[in-house]
PDB file of N, CA and C in Angstrom:
ATOM      1  N   UNK A   1     -19.805  21.097  34.998  1.00  0.00           N
ATOM      2  CA  UNK A   1     -19.187  21.549  33.767  1.00  0.00           C
ATOM      3  C   UNK A   1     -20.303  22.152  32.894  1.00  0.00           C
ATOM      4  N   UNK A   2     -20.070  23.310  32.361  1.00  0.00           N
ATOM      5  CA  UNK A   2     -21.102  23.935  31.542  1.00  0.00           C
ATOM      6  C   UNK A   2     -21.080  23.381  30.114  1.00  0.00           C
ATOM      7  N   UNK A   3     -22.105  23.708  29.386  1.00  0.00           N
ATOM      8  CA  UNK A   3     -22.294  23.169  28.035  1.00  0.00           C
ATOM      9  C   UNK A   3     -21.134  23.517  27.103  1.00  0.00           C
ATOM     10  N   UNK A   4     -20.683  24.754  27.118  1.00  0.00           N
ATOM     11  CA  UNK A   4     -19.578  25.174  26.243  1.00  0.00           C
ATOM     12  C   UNK A   4     -18.302  24.405  26.555  1.00  0.00           C
ATOM     13  N   UNK A   5     -18.047  24.167  27.812  1.00  0.00           N
ATOM     14  CA  UNK A   5     -16.848  23.417  28.197  1.00  0.00           C
ATOM     15  C   UNK A   5     -16.939  21.974  27.718  1.00  0.00           C
ATOM     16  N   UNK A   6     -18.127  21.367  27.811  1.00  0.00           N
ATOM     17  CA  UNK A   6     -18.297  19.992  27.337  1.00  0.00           C
ATOM     18  C   UNK A   6     -18.098  19.914  25.821  1.00  0.00           C
ATOM     19  N   UNK A   7     -18.619  20.895  25.106  1.00  0.00           N
ATOM     20  CA  UNK A   7     -18.453  20.922  23.652  1.00  0.00           C
ATOM     21  C   UNK A   7     -16.973  21.070  23.298  1.00  0.00           C
ATOM     22  N   UNK A   8     -16.286  21.979  23.972  1.00  0.00           N
ATOM     23  CA  UNK A   8     -14.863  22.196  23.721  1.00  0.00           C
ATOM     24  C   UNK A   8     -14.077  20.916  24.027  1.00  0.00           C
ATOM     25  N   UNK A   9     -14.394  20.262  25.130  1.00  0.00           N
ATOM     26  CA  UNK A   9     -13.711  19.019  25.500  1.00  0.00           C
ATOM     27  C   UNK A   9     -13.929  17.947  24.432  1.00  0.00           C
ATOM     28  N   UNK A  10     -15.171  17.835  23.937  1.00  0.00           N
ATOM     29  CA  UNK A  10     -15.462  16.852  22.888  1.00  0.00           C
ATOM     30  C   UNK A  10     -14.639  17.134  21.634  1.00  0.00           C
ATOM     31  N   UNK A  11     -14.588  18.388  21.219  1.00  0.00           N
ATOM     32  CA  UNK A  11     -13.856  18.752  20.005  1.00  0.00           C
ATOM     33  C   UNK A  11     -12.360  18.541  20.150  1.00  0.00           C
ATOM     34  N   UNK A  12     -11.851  18.656  21.358  1.00  0.00           N
ATOM     35  CA  UNK A  12     -10.416  18.493  21.594  1.00  0.00           C
ATOM     36  C   UNK A  12     -10.017  17.037  21.834  1.00  0.00           C
ATOM     37  N   UNK A  13     -10.995  16.176  22.056  1.00  0.00           N
ATOM     38  CA  UNK A  13     -10.702  14.775  22.293  1.00  0.00           C
ATOM     39  C   UNK A  13     -10.382  14.092  20.976  1.00  0.00           C
ATOM     40  N   UNK A  14      -9.203  13.473  20.868  1.00  0.00           N
ATOM     41  CA  UNK A  14      -8.851  12.811  19.605  1.00  0.00           C
ATOM     42  C   UNK A  14      -9.802  11.654  19.316  1.00  0.00           C
ATOM     43  N   UNK A  15     -10.205  11.520  18.066  1.00  0.00           N
ATOM     44  CA  UNK A  15     -11.071  10.431  17.634  1.00  0.00           C
ATOM     45  C   UNK A  15     -10.230   9.176  17.438  1.00  0.00           C
ATOM     46  N   UNK A  16     -10.796   8.004  17.761  1.00  0.00           N
ATOM     47  CA  UNK A  16     -10.055   6.759  17.533  1.00  0.00           C
ATOM     48  C   UNK A  16      -9.788   6.562  16.042  1.00  0.00           C
ATOM     49  N   UNK A  17      -8.551   6.235  15.709  1.00  0.00           N
ATOM     50  CA  UNK A  17      -8.186   6.010  14.310  1.00  0.00           C
ATOM     51  C   UNK A  17      -7.550   4.640  14.176  1.00  0.00           C
ATOM     52  N   UNK A  18      -7.696   4.042  12.994  1.00  0.00           N
ATOM     53  CA  UNK A  18      -7.114   2.729  12.786  1.00  0.00           C
ATOM     54  C   UNK A  18      -7.764   1.990  11.635  1.00  0.00           C
ATOM     55  N   UNK A  19      -7.831   0.666  11.779  1.00  0.00           N
ATOM     56  CA  UNK A  19      -8.316  -0.223  10.720  1.00  0.00           C
ATOM     57  C   UNK A  19      -9.619  -0.868  11.164  1.00  0.00           C
ATOM     58  N   UNK A  20     -10.570  -0.949  10.223  1.00  0.00           N
ATOM     59  CA  UNK A  20     -11.863  -1.553  10.511  1.00  0.00           C
ATOM     60  C   UNK A  20     -12.146  -2.683   9.531  1.00  0.00           C
ATOM     61  N   UNK A  21     -13.164  -3.475   9.875  1.00  0.00           N
ATOM     62  CA  UNK A  21     -13.585  -4.571   8.991  1.00  0.00           C
ATOM     63  C   UNK A  21     -15.104  -4.653   8.975  1.00  0.00           C
ATOM     64  N   UNK A  22     -15.645  -4.840   7.784  1.00  0.00           N
ATOM     65  CA  UNK A  22     -17.044  -5.206   7.607  1.00  0.00           C
ATOM     66  C   UNK A  22     -16.995  -6.665   7.181  1.00  0.00           C
ATOM     67  N   UNK A  23     -17.493  -7.555   8.047  1.00  0.00           N
ATOM     68  CA  UNK A  23     -17.342  -8.996   7.790  1.00  0.00           C
ATOM     69  C   UNK A  23     -18.684  -9.645   7.507  1.00  0.00           C
ATOM     70  N   UNK A  24     -18.726 -10.380   6.421  1.00  0.00           N
ATOM     71  CA  UNK A  24     -19.889 -11.172   6.049  1.00  0.00           C
ATOM     72  C   UNK A  24     -19.793 -12.464   6.857  1.00  0.00           C
ATOM     73  N   UNK A  25     -20.671 -12.644   7.830  1.00  0.00           N
ATOM     74  CA  UNK A  25     -20.594 -13.818   8.702  1.00  0.00           C
ATOM     75  C   UNK A  25     -21.058 -15.084   8.002  1.00  0.00           C
ATOM     76  N   UNK A  26     -21.803 -14.950   6.914  1.00  0.00           N
ATOM     77  CA  UNK A  26     -22.272 -16.127   6.177  1.00  0.00           C
ATOM     78  C   UNK A  26     -21.161 -16.734   5.328  1.00  0.00           C
ATOM     79  N   UNK A  27     -20.315 -15.877   4.754  1.00  0.00           N
ATOM     80  CA  UNK A  27     -19.262 -16.373   3.857  1.00  0.00           C
ATOM     81  C   UNK A  27     -17.858 -16.213   4.435  1.00  0.00           C
ATOM     82  N   UNK A  28     -17.712 -15.379   5.446  1.00  0.00           N
ATOM     83  CA  UNK A  28     -16.399 -15.104   6.025  1.00  0.00           C
ATOM     84  C   UNK A  28     -15.622 -14.037   5.267  1.00  0.00           C
ATOM     85  N   UNK A  29     -16.172 -13.534   4.201  1.00  0.00           N
ATOM     86  CA  UNK A  29     -15.500 -12.522   3.384  1.00  0.00           C
ATOM     87  C   UNK A  29     -15.531 -11.171   4.096  1.00  0.00           C
ATOM     88  N   UNK A  30     -14.473 -10.392   3.942  1.00  0.00           N
ATOM     89  CA  UNK A  30     -14.346  -9.129   4.670  1.00  0.00           C
ATOM     90  C   UNK A  30     -13.994  -7.968   3.759  1.00  0.00           C
ATOM     91  N   UNK A  31     -14.434  -6.794   4.160  1.00  0.00           N
ATOM     92  CA  UNK A  31     -13.963  -5.550   3.557  1.00  0.00           C
ATOM     93  C   UNK A  31     -13.127  -4.863   4.623  1.00  0.00           C
ATOM     94  N   UNK A  32     -11.876  -4.538   4.304  1.00  0.00           N
ATOM     95  CA  UNK A  32     -10.943  -3.921   5.237  1.00  0.00           C
ATOM     96  C   UNK A  32     -10.702  -2.485   4.804  1.00  0.00           C
ATOM     97  N   UNK A  33     -10.696  -1.579   5.761  1.00  0.00           N
ATOM     98  CA  UNK A  33     -10.419  -0.185   5.463  1.00  0.00           C
ATOM     99  C   UNK A  33      -9.768   0.491   6.649  1.00  0.00           C
ATOM    100  N   UNK A  34      -9.357   1.731   6.456  1.00  0.00           N
ATOM    101  CA  UNK A  34      -8.754   2.495   7.548  1.00  0.00           C
ATOM    102  C   UNK A  34      -9.347   3.894   7.559  1.00  0.00           C
ATOM    103  N   UNK A  35      -9.264   4.532   8.719  1.00  0.00           N
ATOM    104  CA  UNK A  35      -9.838   5.868   8.858  1.00  0.00           C
ATOM    105  C   UNK A  35      -9.200   6.583  10.038  1.00  0.00           C
ATOM    106  N   UNK A  36      -9.194   7.907   9.946  1.00  0.00           N
ATOM    107  CA  UNK A  36      -8.716   8.684  11.091  1.00  0.00           C
ATOM    108  C   UNK A  36      -9.866   9.001  12.045  1.00  0.00           C
ATOM    109  N   UNK A  37     -11.060   8.469  11.771  1.00  0.00           N
ATOM    110  CA  UNK A  37     -12.212   8.574  12.669  1.00  0.00           C
ATOM    111  C   UNK A  37     -13.034   7.288  12.525  1.00  0.00           C
ATOM    112  N   UNK A  38     -12.641   6.261  13.275  1.00  0.00           N
ATOM    113  CA  UNK A  38     -13.260   4.943  13.141  1.00  0.00           C
ATOM    114  C   UNK A  38     -14.766   4.929  13.400  1.00  0.00           C
ATOM    115  N   UNK A  39     -15.255   5.526  14.482  1.00  0.00           N
ATOM    116  CA  UNK A  39     -16.714   5.485  14.694  1.00  0.00           C
ATOM    117  C   UNK A  39     -17.493   6.089  13.531  1.00  0.00           C
ATOM    118  N   UNK A  40     -17.022   7.212  13.008  1.00  0.00           N
ATOM    119  CA  UNK A  40     -17.704   7.847  11.881  1.00  0.00           C
ATOM    120  C   UNK A  40     -17.636   6.964  10.637  1.00  0.00           C
ATOM    121  N   UNK A  41     -16.494   6.335  10.389  1.00  0.00           N
ATOM    122  CA  UNK A  41     -16.354   5.496   9.200  1.00  0.00           C
ATOM    123  C   UNK A  41     -17.219   4.241   9.289  1.00  0.00           C
ATOM    124  N   UNK A  42     -17.294   3.645  10.455  1.00  0.00           N
ATOM    125  CA  UNK A  42     -18.150   2.465  10.596  1.00  0.00           C
ATOM    126  C   UNK A  42     -19.616   2.844  10.382  1.00  0.00           C
ATOM    127  N   UNK A  43     -20.028   3.998  10.893  1.00  0.00           N
ATOM    128  CA  UNK A  43     -21.393   4.479  10.641  1.00  0.00           C
ATOM    129  C   UNK A  43     -21.610   4.717   9.150  1.00  0.00           C
ATOM    130  N   UNK A  44     -20.617   5.278   8.487  1.00  0.00           N
ATOM    131  CA  UNK A  44     -20.719   5.552   7.050  1.00  0.00           C
ATOM    132  C   UNK A  44     -20.869   4.260   6.259  1.00  0.00           C
ATOM    133  N   UNK A  45     -20.065   3.238   6.602  1.00  0.00           N
ATOM    134  CA  UNK A  45     -20.150   1.957   5.900  1.00  0.00           C
ATOM    135  C   UNK A  45     -21.559   1.372   6.023  1.00  0.00           C
ATOM    136  N   UNK A  46     -22.081   1.370   7.235  1.00  0.00           N
ATOM    137  CA  UNK A  46     -23.426   0.825   7.465  1.00  0.00           C
ATOM    138  C   UNK A  46     -24.473   1.631   6.691  1.00  0.00           C
ATOM    139  N   UNK A  47     -24.374   2.948   6.744  1.00  0.00           N
ATOM    140  CA  UNK A  47     -25.334   3.811   6.059  1.00  0.00           C
ATOM    141  C   UNK A  47     -25.312   3.571   4.553  1.00  0.00           C
ATOM    142  N   UNK A  48     -24.110   3.501   3.966  1.00  0.00           N
ATOM    143  CA  UNK A  48     -24.000   3.262   2.526  1.00  0.00           C
ATOM    144  C   UNK A  48     -24.640   1.937   2.137  1.00  0.00           C
ATOM    145  N   UNK A  49     -24.409   0.906   2.946  1.00  0.00           N
ATOM    146  CA  UNK A  49     -24.998  -0.402   2.657  1.00  0.00           C
ATOM    147  C   UNK A  49     -26.517  -0.359   2.800  1.00  0.00           C
ATOM    148  N   UNK A  50     -27.008   0.282   3.844  1.00  0.00           N
ATOM    149  CA  UNK A  50     -28.458   0.368   4.060  1.00  0.00           C
ATOM    150  C   UNK A  50     -29.156   1.153   2.953  1.00  0.00           C
ATOM    151  N   UNK A  51     -28.470   2.155   2.411  1.00  0.00           N
ATOM    152  CA  UNK A  51     -29.055   2.978   1.349  1.00  0.00           C
ATOM    153  C   UNK A  51     -28.821   2.401  -0.048  1.00  0.00           C
ATOM    154  N   UNK A  52     -28.054   1.321  -0.132  1.00  0.00           N
ATOM    155  CA  UNK A  52     -27.802   0.682  -1.419  1.00  0.00           C
ATOM    156  C   UNK A  52     -26.756   1.383  -2.265  1.00  0.00           C
ATOM    157  N   UNK A  53     -25.899   2.160  -1.627  1.00  0.00           N
ATOM    158  CA  UNK A  53     -24.918   2.921  -2.385  1.00  0.00           C
ATOM    159  C   UNK A  53     -23.481   2.681  -1.989  1.00  0.00           C
ATOM    160  N   UNK A  54     -23.151   1.489  -1.535  1.00  0.00           N
ATOM    161  CA  UNK A  54     -21.762   1.214  -1.151  1.00  0.00           C
ATOM    162  C   UNK A  54     -20.891   1.163  -2.407  1.00  0.00           C
ATOM    163  N   UNK A  55     -19.674   1.731  -2.347  1.00  0.00           N
ATOM    164  CA  UNK A  55     -18.807   1.765  -3.531  1.00  0.00           C
ATOM    165  C   UNK A  55     -18.228   0.408  -3.952  1.00  0.00           C
ATOM    166  N   UNK A  56     -18.426  -0.631  -3.145  1.00  0.00           N
ATOM    167  CA  UNK A  56     -17.937  -1.966  -3.502  1.00  0.00           C
ATOM    168  C   UNK A  56     -19.161  -2.806  -3.911  1.00  0.00           C
ATOM    169  N   UNK A  57     -19.374  -2.968  -5.213  1.00  0.00           N
ATOM    170  CA  UNK A  57     -20.580  -3.654  -5.683  1.00  0.00           C
ATOM    171  C   UNK A  57     -20.778  -5.063  -5.126  1.00  0.00           C
ATOM    172  N   UNK A  58     -19.713  -5.845  -5.003  1.00  0.00           N
ATOM    173  CA  UNK A  58     -19.851  -7.217  -4.500  1.00  0.00           C
ATOM    174  C   UNK A  58     -20.331  -7.212  -3.047  1.00  0.00           C
ATOM    175  N   UNK A  59     -19.821  -6.301  -2.254  1.00  0.00           N
ATOM    176  CA  UNK A  59     -20.257  -6.180  -0.863  1.00  0.00           C
ATOM    177  C   UNK A  59     -21.720  -5.757  -0.823  1.00  0.00           C
ATOM    178  N   UNK A  60     -22.095  -4.795  -1.643  1.00  0.00           N
ATOM    179  CA  UNK A  60     -23.478  -4.333  -1.675  1.00  0.00           C
ATOM    180  C   UNK A  60     -24.420  -5.460  -2.108  1.00  0.00           C
ATOM    181  N   UNK A  61     -24.011  -6.250  -3.102  1.00  0.00           N
ATOM    182  CA  UNK A  61     -24.824  -7.386  -3.561  1.00  0.00           C
ATOM    183  C   UNK A  61     -25.059  -8.377  -2.427  1.00  0.00           C
ATOM    184  N   UNK A  62     -23.990  -8.731  -1.711  1.00  0.00           N
ATOM    185  CA  UNK A  62     -24.122  -9.677  -0.605  1.00  0.00           C
ATOM    186  C   UNK A  62     -25.018  -9.114   0.490  1.00  0.00           C
ATOM    187  N   UNK A  63     -24.878  -7.835   0.795  1.00  0.00           N
ATOM    188  CA  UNK A  63     -25.735  -7.184   1.798  1.00  0.00           C
ATOM    189  C   UNK A  63     -27.204  -7.283   1.366  1.00  0.00           C
ATOM    190  N   UNK A  64     -27.468  -6.994   0.103  1.00  0.00           N
ATOM    191  CA  UNK A  64     -28.839  -7.033  -0.396  1.00  0.00           C
ATOM    192  C   UNK A  64     -29.422  -8.443  -0.345  1.00  0.00           C
ATOM    193  N   UNK A  65     -28.596  -9.445  -0.674  1.00  0.00           N
ATOM    194  CA  UNK A  65     -29.067 -10.829  -0.709  1.00  0.00           C
ATOM    195  C   UNK A  65     -29.189 -11.453   0.676  1.00  0.00           C
ATOM    196  N   UNK A  66     -28.221 -11.162   1.571  1.00  0.00           N
ATOM    197  CA  UNK A  66     -28.171 -11.837   2.866  1.00  0.00           C
ATOM    198  C   UNK A  66     -28.778 -11.034   4.014  1.00  0.00           C
ATOM    199  N   UNK A  67     -28.830  -9.722   3.869  1.00  0.00           N
ATOM    200  CA  UNK A  67     -29.400  -8.873   4.909  1.00  0.00           C
ATOM    201  C   UNK A  67     -28.383  -8.430   5.946  1.00  0.00           C
ATOM    202  N   UNK A  68     -28.754  -7.397   6.678  1.00  0.00           N
ATOM    203  CA  UNK A  68     -27.877  -6.786   7.680  1.00  0.00           C
ATOM    204  C   UNK A  68     -27.447  -7.762   8.764  1.00  0.00           C
ATOM    205  N   UNK A  69     -28.299  -8.718   9.099  1.00  0.00           N
ATOM    206  CA  UNK A  69     -27.981  -9.660  10.183  1.00  0.00           C
ATOM    207  C   UNK A  69     -26.782 -10.545   9.854  1.00  0.00           C
ATOM    208  N   UNK A  70     -26.372 -10.569   8.603  1.00  0.00           N
ATOM    209  CA  UNK A  70     -25.232 -11.399   8.189  1.00  0.00           C
ATOM    210  C   UNK A  70     -23.912 -10.644   8.163  1.00  0.00           C
ATOM    211  N   UNK A  71     -23.885  -9.440   8.765  1.00  0.00           N
ATOM    212  CA  UNK A  71     -22.667  -8.634   8.728  1.00  0.00           C
ATOM    213  C   UNK A  71     -22.302  -8.109  10.104  1.00  0.00           C
ATOM    214  N   UNK A  72     -20.990  -8.052  10.344  1.00  0.00           N
ATOM    215  CA  UNK A  72     -20.438  -7.475  11.571  1.00  0.00           C
ATOM    216  C   UNK A  72     -19.519  -6.322  11.201  1.00  0.00           C
ATOM    217  N   UNK A  73     -19.543  -5.280  12.026  1.00  0.00           N
ATOM    218  CA  UNK A  73     -18.680  -4.113  11.841  1.00  0.00           C
ATOM    219  C   UNK A  73     -17.765  -4.065  13.052  1.00  0.00           C
ATOM    220  N   UNK A  74     -16.457  -4.060  12.821  1.00  0.00           N
ATOM    221  CA  UNK A  74     -15.541  -4.105  13.957  1.00  0.00           C
ATOM    222  C   UNK A  74     -14.263  -3.323  13.705  1.00  0.00           C
ATOM    223  N   UNK A  75     -13.640  -2.928  14.791  1.00  0.00           N
ATOM    224  CA  UNK A  75     -12.334  -2.290  14.764  1.00  0.00           C
ATOM    225  C   UNK A  75     -11.287  -3.384  14.919  1.00  0.00           C
ATOM    226  N   UNK A  76     -10.341  -3.440  13.991  1.00  0.00           N
ATOM    227  CA  UNK A  76      -9.280  -4.447  14.049  1.00  0.00           C
ATOM    228  C   UNK A  76      -8.047  -3.945  14.780  1.00  0.00           C
ATOM    229  N   UNK A  77      -7.725  -2.672  14.593  1.00  0.00           N
ATOM    230  CA  UNK A  77      -6.485  -2.133  15.143  1.00  0.00           C
ATOM    231  C   UNK A  77      -6.625  -0.618  15.269  1.00  0.00           C
ATOM    232  N   UNK A  78      -5.926  -0.050  16.230  1.00  0.00           N
ATOM    233  CA  UNK A  78      -5.968   1.402  16.402  1.00  0.00           C
ATOM    234  C   UNK A  78      -4.567   1.981  16.419  1.00  0.00           C
ATOM    235  N   UNK A  79      -4.480   3.252  16.072  1.00  0.00           N
ATOM    236  CA  UNK A  79      -3.226   4.006  16.139  1.00  0.00           C
ATOM    237  C   UNK A  79      -3.320   4.982  17.299  1.00  0.00           C
ATOM    238  N   UNK A  80      -2.206   5.197  17.948  1.00  0.00           N
ATOM    239  CA  UNK A  80      -2.157   6.222  18.982  1.00  0.00           C
ATOM    240  C   UNK A  80      -2.249   7.594  18.319  1.00  0.00           C
ATOM    241  N   UNK A  81      -2.969   8.521  18.919  1.00  0.00           N
ATOM    242  CA  UNK A  81      -3.029   9.866  18.342  1.00  0.00           C
ATOM    243  C   UNK A  81      -1.630  10.485  18.303  1.00  0.00           C
ATOM    244  N   UNK A  82      -1.319  11.228  17.241  1.00  0.00           N
ATOM    245  CA  UNK A  82       0.003  11.849  17.153  1.00  0.00           C
ATOM    246  C   UNK A  82       0.161  12.946  18.206  1.00  0.00           C
ATOM    247  N   UNK A  83       1.406  13.193  18.600  1.00  0.00           N
ATOM    248  CA  UNK A  83       1.682  14.236  19.583  1.00  0.00           C
ATOM    249  C   UNK A  83       1.423  15.622  19.014  1.00  0.00           C
ATOM    250  N   UNK A  84       1.684  15.790  17.728  1.00  0.00           N
ATOM    251  CA  UNK A  84       1.511  17.085  17.078  1.00  0.00           C
ATOM    252  C   UNK A  84       0.075  17.221  16.576  1.00  0.00           C
ATOM    253  N   UNK A  85      -0.627  18.273  16.957  1.00  0.00           N
ATOM    254  CA  UNK A  85      -1.979  18.469  16.424  1.00  0.00           C
ATOM    255  C   UNK A  85      -1.936  18.664  14.911  1.00  0.00           C
ATOM    256  N   UNK A  86      -2.859  18.046  14.214  1.00  0.00           N
ATOM    257  CA  UNK A  86      -2.932  18.191  12.767  1.00  0.00           C
ATOM    258  C   UNK A  86      -1.924  17.365  11.996  1.00  0.00           C
ATOM    259  N   UNK A  87      -1.204  16.473  12.667  1.00  0.00           N
ATOM    260  CA  UNK A  87      -0.210  15.636  11.985  1.00  0.00           C
ATOM    261  C   UNK A  87      -0.914  14.695  11.007  1.00  0.00           C
ATOM    262  N   UNK A  88      -0.276  14.435   9.871  1.00  0.00           N
ATOM    263  CA  UNK A  88      -0.831  13.556   8.845  1.00  0.00           C
ATOM    264  C   UNK A  88      -0.458  12.113   9.164  1.00  0.00           C
ATOM    265  N   UNK A  89      -1.468  11.289   9.383  1.00  0.00           N
ATOM    266  CA  UNK A  89      -1.237   9.877   9.709  1.00  0.00           C
ATOM    267  C   UNK A  89      -1.664   8.956   8.567  1.00  0.00           C
ATOM    268  N   UNK A  90      -1.904   9.511   7.387  1.00  0.00           N
ATOM    269  CA  UNK A  90      -2.431   8.719   6.272  1.00  0.00           C
ATOM    270  C   UNK A  90      -1.490   7.581   5.869  1.00  0.00           C
ATOM    271  N   UNK A  91      -0.171   7.821   5.887  1.00  0.00           N
ATOM    272  CA  UNK A  91       0.773   6.752   5.533  1.00  0.00           C
ATOM    273  C   UNK A  91       0.732   5.618   6.549  1.00  0.00           C
ATOM    274  N   UNK A  92       0.687   5.970   7.827  1.00  0.00           N
ATOM    275  CA  UNK A  92       0.635   4.950   8.873  1.00  0.00           C
ATOM    276  C   UNK A  92      -0.651   4.136   8.760  1.00  0.00           C
ATOM    277  N   UNK A  93      -1.770   4.806   8.482  1.00  0.00           N
ATOM    278  CA  UNK A  93      -3.040   4.102   8.326  1.00  0.00           C
ATOM    279  C   UNK A  93      -3.003   3.172   7.115  1.00  0.00           C
ATOM    280  N   UNK A  94      -2.454   3.639   6.010  1.00  0.00           N
ATOM    281  CA  UNK A  94      -2.365   2.813   4.803  1.00  0.00           C
ATOM    282  C   UNK A  94      -1.492   1.590   5.047  1.00  0.00           C
ATOM    283  N   UNK A  95      -0.388   1.770   5.757  1.00  0.00           N
ATOM    284  CA  UNK A  95       0.506   0.649   6.067  1.00  0.00           C
ATOM    285  C   UNK A  95      -0.194  -0.366   6.967  1.00  0.00           C
ATOM    286  N   UNK A  96      -0.877   0.115   7.986  1.00  0.00           N
ATOM    287  CA  UNK A  96      -1.593  -0.765   8.903  1.00  0.00           C
ATOM    288  C   UNK A  96      -2.694  -1.529   8.165  1.00  0.00           C
ATOM    289  N   UNK A  97      -3.393  -0.847   7.279  1.00  0.00           N
ATOM    290  CA  UNK A  97      -4.439  -1.504   6.480  1.00  0.00           C
ATOM    291  C   UNK A  97      -3.841  -2.609   5.618  1.00  0.00           C
ATOM    292  N   UNK A  98      -2.724  -2.338   4.951  1.00  0.00           N
ATOM    293  CA  UNK A  98      -2.068  -3.346   4.110  1.00  0.00           C
ATOM    294  C   UNK A  98      -1.611  -4.543   4.934  1.00  0.00           C
ATOM    295  N   UNK A  99      -1.119  -4.283   6.129  1.00  0.00           N
ATOM    296  CA  UNK A  99      -0.692  -5.380   7.003  1.00  0.00           C
ATOM    297  C   UNK A  99      -1.869  -6.298   7.323  1.00  0.00           C
ATOM    298  N   UNK A 100      -3.031  -5.701   7.611  1.00  0.00           N
ATOM    299  CA  UNK A 100      -4.218  -6.498   7.915  1.00  0.00           C
ATOM    300  C   UNK A 100      -4.696  -7.261   6.685  1.00  0.00           C
ATOM    301  N   UNK A 101      -4.684  -6.627   5.521  1.00  0.00           N
ATOM    302  CA  UNK A 101      -5.079  -7.323   4.302  1.00  0.00           C
ATOM    303  C   UNK A 101      -4.177  -8.527   4.048  1.00  0.00           C
ATOM    304  N   UNK A 102      -2.873  -8.346   4.213  1.00  0.00           N
ATOM    305  CA  UNK A 102      -1.931  -9.448   4.011  1.00  0.00           C
ATOM    306  C   UNK A 102      -2.145 -10.549   5.047  1.00  0.00           C
ATOM    307  N   UNK A 103      -2.388 -10.159   6.280  1.00  0.00           N
ATOM    308  CA  UNK A 103      -2.591 -11.127   7.352  1.00  0.00           C
ATOM    309  C   UNK A 103      -3.844 -11.970   7.107  1.00  0.00           C
ATOM    310  N   UNK A 104      -4.919 -11.319   6.715  1.00  0.00           N
ATOM    311  CA  UNK A 104      -6.173 -12.039   6.461  1.00  0.00           C
ATOM    312  C   UNK A 104      -6.026 -12.943   5.244  1.00  0.00           C
ATOM    313  N   UNK A 105      -5.389 -12.445   4.200  1.00  0.00           N
ATOM    314  CA  UNK A 105      -5.172 -13.253   2.993  1.00  0.00           C
ATOM    315  C   UNK A 105      -4.265 -14.442   3.281  1.00  0.00           C
ATOM    316  N   UNK A 106      -3.205 -14.222   4.069  1.00  0.00           N
ATOM    317  CA  UNK A 106      -2.282 -15.303   4.410  1.00  0.00           C
ATOM    318  C   UNK A 106      -2.971 -16.393   5.222  1.00  0.00           C
ATOM    319  N   UNK A 107      -3.988 -16.009   5.987  1.00  0.00           N
ATOM    320  CA  UNK A 107      -4.724 -16.978   6.797  1.00  0.00           C
ATOM    321  C   UNK A 107      -5.831 -17.658   5.992  1.00  0.00           C
ATOM    322  N   UNK A 108      -5.887 -17.366   4.684  1.00  0.00           N
ATOM    323  CA  UNK A 108      -6.881 -18.003   3.835  1.00  0.00           C
ATOM    324  C   UNK A 108      -8.200 -17.258   3.752  1.00  0.00           C
ATOM    325  N   UNK A 109      -8.250 -16.057   4.309  1.00  0.00           N
ATOM    326  CA  UNK A 109      -9.475 -15.271   4.273  1.00  0.00           C
ATOM    327  C   UNK A 109      -9.685 -14.611   2.926  1.00  0.00           C
ATOM    328  N   UNK A 110     -10.933 -14.367   2.620  1.00  0.00           N
ATOM    329  CA  UNK A 110     -11.301 -13.718   1.364  1.00  0.00           C
ATOM    330  C   UNK A 110     -11.729 -12.281   1.657  1.00  0.00           C
ATOM    331  N   UNK A 111     -11.335 -11.361   0.769  1.00  0.00           N
ATOM    332  CA  UNK A 111     -11.658  -9.947   0.980  1.00  0.00           C
ATOM    333  C   UNK A 111     -12.368  -9.366  -0.245  1.00  0.00           C
ATOM    334  N   UNK A 112     -13.184  -8.378   0.022  1.00  0.00           N
ATOM    335  CA  UNK A 112     -13.876  -7.635  -1.035  1.00  0.00           C
ATOM    336  C   UNK A 112     -12.971  -6.578  -1.660  1.00  0.00           C
ATOM    337  N   UNK A 113     -11.870  -6.258  -1.027  1.00  0.00           N
ATOM    338  CA  UNK A 113     -11.027  -5.140  -1.444  1.00  0.00           C
ATOM    339  C   UNK A 113     -10.535  -5.245  -2.884  1.00  0.00           C
ATOM    340  N   UNK A 114     -10.274  -6.431  -3.374  1.00  0.00           N
ATOM    341  CA  UNK A 114      -9.800  -6.580  -4.756  1.00  0.00           C
ATOM    342  C   UNK A 114     -10.861  -6.071  -5.730  1.00  0.00           C
ATOM    343  N   UNK A 115     -12.138  -6.372  -5.453  1.00  0.00           N
ATOM    344  CA  UNK A 115     -13.233  -5.894  -6.303  1.00  0.00           C
ATOM    345  C   UNK A 115     -13.376  -4.379  -6.196  1.00  0.00           C
ATOM    346  N   UNK A 116     -13.049  -3.823  -5.031  1.00  0.00           N
ATOM    347  CA  UNK A 116     -13.166  -2.372  -4.843  1.00  0.00           C
ATOM    348  C   UNK A 116     -12.206  -1.649  -5.772  1.00  0.00           C
ATOM    349  N   UNK A 117     -11.014  -2.192  -5.966  1.00  0.00           N
ATOM    350  CA  UNK A 117     -10.020  -1.546  -6.811  1.00  0.00           C
ATOM    351  C   UNK A 117     -10.334  -1.705  -8.290  1.00  0.00           C
ATOM    352  N   UNK A 118     -10.938  -2.846  -8.652  1.00  0.00           N
ATOM    353  CA  UNK A 118     -11.281  -3.071 -10.056  1.00  0.00           C
ATOM    354  C   UNK A 118     -12.638  -2.466 -10.403  1.00  0.00           C
ATOM    355  N   UNK A 119     -13.459  -2.246  -9.370  1.00  0.00           N
ATOM    356  CA  UNK A 119     -14.769  -1.668  -9.596  1.00  0.00           C
ATOM    357  C   UNK A 119     -15.800  -2.661 -10.086  1.00  0.00           C
ATOM    358  N   UNK A 120     -15.613  -3.966  -9.812  1.00  0.00           N
ATOM    359  CA  UNK A 120     -16.592  -4.978 -10.232  1.00  0.00           C
ATOM    360  C   UNK A 120     -17.335  -5.520  -9.056  1.00  0.00           C
TER     361      UNK A 120
END
């Protein structure tokens, strides 16, 4: 396979989409989010934390105090790629994210997401 064909194949391959979690293993607290490109979003979360610029101050504080070794980045759930190219899956992702937030909260888990919305 030539280089151009490999590049075209990569661009045409749907990216995994779904719900992710950044989990503080020391406290059990989690940040839950969703994305239409999970690998890129997980890299972004790690990069923001490493650079000290994560939009969730409480998560950034814990990262700074406990260090990278106290955090796990994982995919919780995935969505099947839509049949139609360019289809908007934002509602499905938001619903799936809310389901995970409710599930974790119902199980007694603590999340950073509440602080993300209030900005504290």
